[in-house]
Amino acid sequence: AGLYRMDDNETLPRFVILTQPAAPKIEFIHHRMPVILTNDYHKPWLDNQLDTQELMENTLDSLQYEPINFQPSFF
């Protein structure tokens, strides 16, 4: 989940990504991870109907992980 704002005098939007403590399986990578909402909370979040407390109580707790054996190349 995140927030953004477009100012009249700016050409690029300003944004933040909301984070929470990392899930146990990925905390070896970093101690924080993005807030991931369950499907039921996508629309209320986008429609500004959730406060921060509600948001944090309804994040996705279980993730499925698959190891990758290569590093993507963009060039």
N, C-alpha and C. Protein backbone atom coordinates (compact mmCIF):
# COMPACT_ATOMS: atom_id res chain seq x y z
N ALA A 1 0.85 -1.17 0.00
CA ALA A 1 0.00 0.00 0.00
C ALA A 1 0.89 1.23 0.00
N GLY A 2 0.39 2.30 -0.52
CA GLY A 2 1.16 3.53 -0.57
C GLY A 2 0.27 4.75 -0.70
N LEU A 3 0.91 5.88 -0.72
CA LEU A 3 0.24 7.17 -0.87
C LEU A 3 0.98 7.97 -1.92
N TYR A 4 0.25 8.79 -2.67
CA TYR A 4 0.93 9.68 -3.60
C TYR A 4 0.21 11.03 -3.64
N ARG A 5 0.94 12.02 -4.12
CA ARG A 5 0.39 13.37 -4.24
C ARG A 5 1.02 14.02 -5.46
N MET A 6 0.21 14.68 -6.24
CA MET A 6 0.71 15.42 -7.40
C MET A 6 0.50 16.90 -7.11
N ASP A 7 1.59 17.64 -6.98
CA ASP A 7 1.52 19.08 -6.74
C ASP A 7 1.42 19.82 -8.07
N ASP A 8 0.73 20.95 -8.07
CA ASP A 8 0.55 21.74 -9.30
C ASP A 8 1.86 22.18 -9.93
N ASN A 9 2.84 22.52 -9.12
CA ASN A 9 4.11 23.05 -9.65
C ASN A 9 5.15 21.97 -9.91
N GLU A 10 4.82 20.73 -9.72
CA GLU A 10 5.78 19.63 -9.88
C GLU A 10 5.45 18.83 -11.13
N THR A 11 6.48 18.27 -11.76
CA THR A 11 6.26 17.43 -12.94
C THR A 11 6.13 15.95 -12.57
N LEU A 12 6.65 15.59 -11.40
CA LEU A 12 6.58 14.20 -10.95
C LEU A 12 5.78 14.10 -9.66
N PRO A 13 5.04 13.02 -9.49
CA PRO A 13 4.29 12.86 -8.23
C PRO A 13 5.24 12.54 -7.08
N ARG A 14 4.80 12.84 -5.89
CA ARG A 14 5.52 12.44 -4.67
C ARG A 14 4.80 11.21 -4.14
N PHE A 15 5.56 10.25 -3.61
CA PHE A 15 4.91 9.04 -3.13
C PHE A 15 5.69 8.42 -1.98
N VAL A 16 5.00 7.59 -1.22
CA VAL A 16 5.61 6.79 -0.17
C VAL A 16 5.04 5.39 -0.27
N ILE A 17 5.83 4.41 0.11
CA ILE A 17 5.37 3.03 0.20
C ILE A 17 5.30 2.69 1.68
N LEU A 18 4.13 2.26 2.13
CA LEU A 18 3.96 1.89 3.53
C LEU A 18 4.62 0.55 3.78
N THR A 19 5.34 0.44 4.90
CA THR A 19 6.04 -0.80 5.22
C THR A 19 5.62 -1.32 6.59
N GLN A 20 5.97 -2.57 6.80
CA GLN A 20 5.70 -3.25 8.07
C GLN A 20 6.89 -4.16 8.35
N PRO A 21 6.99 -4.73 9.55
CA PRO A 21 8.07 -5.69 9.80
C PRO A 21 8.03 -6.83 8.77
N ALA A 22 9.18 -7.28 8.36
CA ALA A 22 9.28 -8.32 7.34
C ALA A 22 8.71 -9.65 7.83
N ALA A 23 8.15 -10.39 6.88
CA ALA A 23 7.69 -11.76 7.17
C ALA A 23 8.91 -12.60 7.54
N PRO A 24 8.74 -13.58 8.42
CA PRO A 24 9.88 -14.38 8.89
C PRO A 24 10.74 -14.97 7.77
N LYS A 25 10.13 -15.41 6.68
CA LYS A 25 10.91 -16.06 5.62
C LYS A 25 11.78 -15.10 4.81
N ILE A 26 11.51 -13.80 4.92
CA ILE A 26 12.32 -12.86 4.13
C ILE A 26 13.08 -11.85 4.97
N GLU A 27 13.01 -11.95 6.29
CA GLU A 27 13.70 -10.95 7.09
C GLU A 27 15.22 -11.04 6.98
N PHE A 28 15.75 -12.13 6.41
CA PHE A 28 17.19 -12.19 6.18
C PHE A 28 17.60 -11.24 5.06
N ILE A 29 16.64 -10.84 4.21
CA ILE A 29 16.91 -9.89 3.13
C ILE A 29 16.86 -8.46 3.66
N HIS A 30 15.80 -8.16 4.41
CA HIS A 30 15.62 -6.82 4.98
C HIS A 30 14.61 -6.92 6.12
N HIS A 31 14.74 -6.03 7.09
CA HIS A 31 13.87 -6.10 8.27
C HIS A 31 12.48 -5.49 8.03
N ARG A 32 12.26 -4.85 6.87
CA ARG A 32 10.96 -4.27 6.53
C ARG A 32 10.50 -4.82 5.19
N MET A 33 9.19 -4.77 4.94
CA MET A 33 8.62 -5.16 3.65
C MET A 33 7.40 -4.29 3.38
N PRO A 34 6.98 -4.15 2.12
CA PRO A 34 5.79 -3.34 1.83
C PRO A 34 4.54 -3.93 2.48
N VAL A 35 3.62 -3.06 2.84
CA VAL A 35 2.31 -3.50 3.32
C VAL A 35 1.56 -4.07 2.12
N ILE A 36 1.08 -5.30 2.24
CA ILE A 36 0.32 -5.95 1.17
C ILE A 36 -1.08 -6.19 1.69
N LEU A 37 -2.06 -5.58 1.04
CA LEU A 37 -3.45 -5.71 1.48
C LEU A 37 -4.09 -6.96 0.91
N THR A 38 -5.02 -7.53 1.66
CA THR A 38 -5.82 -8.63 1.13
C THR A 38 -6.76 -8.06 0.07
N ASN A 39 -7.26 -8.90 -0.81
CA ASN A 39 -8.12 -8.45 -1.91
C ASN A 39 -9.34 -7.66 -1.42
N ASP A 40 -9.90 -8.05 -0.28
CA ASP A 40 -11.09 -7.37 0.23
C ASP A 40 -10.83 -5.92 0.61
N TYR A 41 -9.57 -5.54 0.78
CA TYR A 41 -9.26 -4.18 1.23
C TYR A 41 -8.65 -3.29 0.16
N HIS A 42 -8.52 -3.79 -1.08
CA HIS A 42 -7.99 -2.95 -2.16
C HIS A 42 -8.88 -1.74 -2.40
N LYS A 43 -10.17 -1.99 -2.66
CA LYS A 43 -11.09 -0.89 -2.98
C LYS A 43 -11.26 0.08 -1.82
N PRO A 44 -11.50 -0.38 -0.58
CA PRO A 44 -11.61 0.58 0.53
C PRO A 44 -10.35 1.44 0.69
N TRP A 45 -9.16 0.86 0.46
CA TRP A 45 -7.93 1.64 0.57
C TRP A 45 -7.88 2.70 -0.53
N LEU A 46 -8.17 2.30 -1.76
CA LEU A 46 -8.12 3.24 -2.88
C LEU A 46 -9.20 4.31 -2.78
N ASP A 47 -10.33 3.98 -2.15
CA ASP A 47 -11.43 4.94 -1.98
C ASP A 47 -11.29 5.76 -0.69
N ASN A 48 -10.14 5.63 -0.02
CA ASN A 48 -9.86 6.39 1.21
C ASN A 48 -10.88 6.10 2.32
N GLN A 49 -11.27 4.84 2.46
CA GLN A 49 -12.24 4.44 3.48
C GLN A 49 -11.59 3.68 4.63
N LEU A 50 -10.27 3.56 4.64
CA LEU A 50 -9.56 2.85 5.72
C LEU A 50 -8.66 3.81 6.46
N ASP A 51 -8.67 3.74 7.79
CA ASP A 51 -7.66 4.50 8.52
C ASP A 51 -6.43 3.61 8.70
N THR A 52 -5.36 4.18 9.19
CA THR A 52 -4.09 3.46 9.29
C THR A 52 -4.20 2.21 10.15
N GLN A 53 -4.89 2.29 11.26
CA GLN A 53 -5.04 1.14 12.16
C GLN A 53 -5.75 0.00 11.45
N GLU A 54 -6.85 0.30 10.75
CA GLU A 54 -7.58 -0.72 10.00
C GLU A 54 -6.70 -1.33 8.92
N LEU A 55 -5.94 -0.49 8.26
CA LEU A 55 -5.04 -0.95 7.21
C LEU A 55 -4.06 -1.98 7.76
N MET A 56 -3.40 -1.66 8.86
CA MET A 56 -2.38 -2.54 9.41
C MET A 56 -2.97 -3.82 9.99
N GLU A 57 -4.24 -3.82 10.36
CA GLU A 57 -4.88 -5.02 10.89
C GLU A 57 -5.32 -5.97 9.78
N ASN A 58 -5.30 -5.52 8.53
CA ASN A 58 -5.82 -6.32 7.43
C ASN A 58 -4.80 -6.52 6.32
N THR A 59 -3.57 -6.72 6.70
CA THR A 59 -2.53 -6.98 5.71
C THR A 59 -2.43 -8.49 5.46
N LEU A 60 -1.85 -8.83 4.35
CA LEU A 60 -1.66 -10.22 3.99
C LEU A 60 -0.56 -10.81 4.85
N ASP A 61 -0.89 -11.83 5.63
CA ASP A 61 0.08 -12.43 6.55
C ASP A 61 0.86 -13.59 5.94
N SER A 62 0.22 -14.35 5.08
CA SER A 62 0.89 -15.54 4.54
C SER A 62 1.21 -15.31 3.06
N LEU A 63 2.46 -15.47 2.74
CA LEU A 63 2.92 -15.32 1.37
C LEU A 63 3.55 -16.62 0.91
N GLN A 64 3.46 -16.88 -0.38
CA GLN A 64 4.13 -18.04 -0.94
C GLN A 64 5.41 -17.56 -1.61
N TYR A 65 6.49 -18.28 -1.37
CA TYR A 65 7.79 -17.89 -1.90
C TYR A 65 8.32 -18.99 -2.81
N GLU A 66 9.01 -18.56 -3.85
CA GLU A 66 9.69 -19.50 -4.74
C GLU A 66 11.10 -18.98 -4.97
N PRO A 67 12.10 -19.81 -4.73
CA PRO A 67 13.46 -19.34 -4.99
C PRO A 67 13.69 -19.18 -6.50
N ILE A 68 14.52 -18.24 -6.85
CA ILE A 68 14.89 -18.08 -8.26
C ILE A 68 16.37 -18.41 -8.39
N ASN A 69 16.74 -18.93 -9.53
CA ASN A 69 18.11 -19.35 -9.74
C ASN A 69 18.87 -18.45 -10.70
N PHE A 70 18.29 -17.30 -11.01
CA PHE A 70 18.96 -16.38 -11.92
C PHE A 70 18.63 -14.95 -11.50
N GLN A 71 19.43 -14.03 -11.95
CA GLN A 71 19.18 -12.62 -11.70
C GLN A 71 18.69 -11.99 -12.99
N PRO A 72 17.51 -11.37 -12.97
CA PRO A 72 17.00 -10.75 -14.20
C PRO A 72 17.94 -9.66 -14.70
N SER A 73 18.01 -9.51 -15.99
CA SER A 73 18.83 -8.46 -16.58
C SER A 73 17.91 -7.52 -17.35
N PHE A 74 18.11 -6.23 -17.15
CA PHE A 74 17.28 -5.25 -17.83
C PHE A 74 17.98 -4.61 -19.01
N PHE A 75 19.24 -4.99 -19.23
CA PHE A 75 20.00 -4.39 -20.34
C PHE A 75 20.60 -5.45 -21.21
